[in-house]
Amino acid sequence: MLKVTTGFIHGYVVKDWDDLATYAIEAEKLGIESIFSPEGWGYDGLTPLAYLAAKTSKIKLGTGVLQVGTRTATNTAMGALSMNSLSNGRFILGLGTSGPQVMEGFHGIIFDEPVRRTKENIDVIKMIFRGEKVSYQGKHLQHPSREGQGKVMKNESDPDPDIPIWIASLGPKNLELTGAIADGWKGTSFMPETAESMFQHIRKGAEEAGRSFSDITINVGGTVYFTDDVDKAVEELKPMLAFTLGAMGSRKFNFYNAAYVRAGYADEAKLIQDLWIEGKRDEARRLVPAEMVMKSGFIGTDEMIKERIRLYRDAGVNEIAAQLRFGRGSSYIPTVTERIDSLSKFVDLVDQVNKE
């Protein structure tokens, strides 16, 4: 059975924290499985969830996602244990590598060996979740950091080995790592028609670790946009996809772009990225294929969106992340009432598909 999750975007959807609380409370009433807080180069991913933990009682609260390397592994674990305690066990720790532009440009941290760094961070985090003393010697993480004054210690908070850890991965090796060690996959740049371009790597990692693909929660989605004017909607959403293909990473490392390349859009993804980097951004936006926009979300009439939901179900998705329409590249920002109405309508369509 498909479940629905949602999230919010700092700076676009969140202009009023009371509105966010209203949205989360109403989402909980609708039976939404979880709500995720992002972390880019604005607000952090944990603090808004602490606020929502005090406003809600059932909905799960997840980071979507914390950037690996911007905190020590122990600090990440401390934050996760705090959130899990505040929310009475409703927390999901979502982690991701980000990319070189953000990590090196904004955080001042060298971006190298992201998959290995993710693995080492999760190793240490799980030790703390289990209540173990932190003794670890990896390539990037050492606890103690050197011989001498450092002491092997354990966290003083109550342990909880059951806190789920999800990875937002896109590259093949990181997808394999997700299959090997994660409880869930927070996927992006996903199209159900080409799901195997992602799933084959998660499946490989799971099988090599003695796990099953079914052990991993598959959480993916796209923009939900109810409309009878599909052409207008596509034109409105093209800037967001052009930004993803052109700006979300460097020319060498854009994991979102590479995901679309593997899904069969190599020529289009490369051209749009080149144009964006060259400053020809209006041209880049115009050249985004309508097909890419349509396959990356839930756009159109009720029946059109129901058919998209069926494709996600049939591909093997467990949870659909409803990314409610917002206006990157335009002045449109939906009201909280509009977001709740769209979410309610989407939940109803998912329920109809679940009953088929």
Foldseek 3Di string as FASTA:
>chain_A
DAAAEAEDDPPFQDPDLVLVLVLLALCVVLVHQAYEAEDAQDDAGQPSLLVNLVSDQGHAYEYPAHAQPLDQLVVLLVSQLVSCVSNVNRYAYEYENQACCCCCVPSVHDRDPSLQSVVQSVVQSLCQLVFHFRQDDDPPDGQVPDPDPGDTGHDPDDHHNPRFYEYADQDLSNLLVRLQDGQEYEYALDFLVQNCLRLVSSQNSVVVNVHHSVSYAYEEAAEAAEDACLVVVLLQCLLVVLCLLAPRYDLVDRSSLVNVVSSPCVVLSNVSNVCVVVVVNVVSSVSDDSVSRLRRHQDYHLVSNLVSLVSCVVSPHHYYYHYYDTGDVDPGRDGSVVVSVSVSSSSVSNVVSVVD
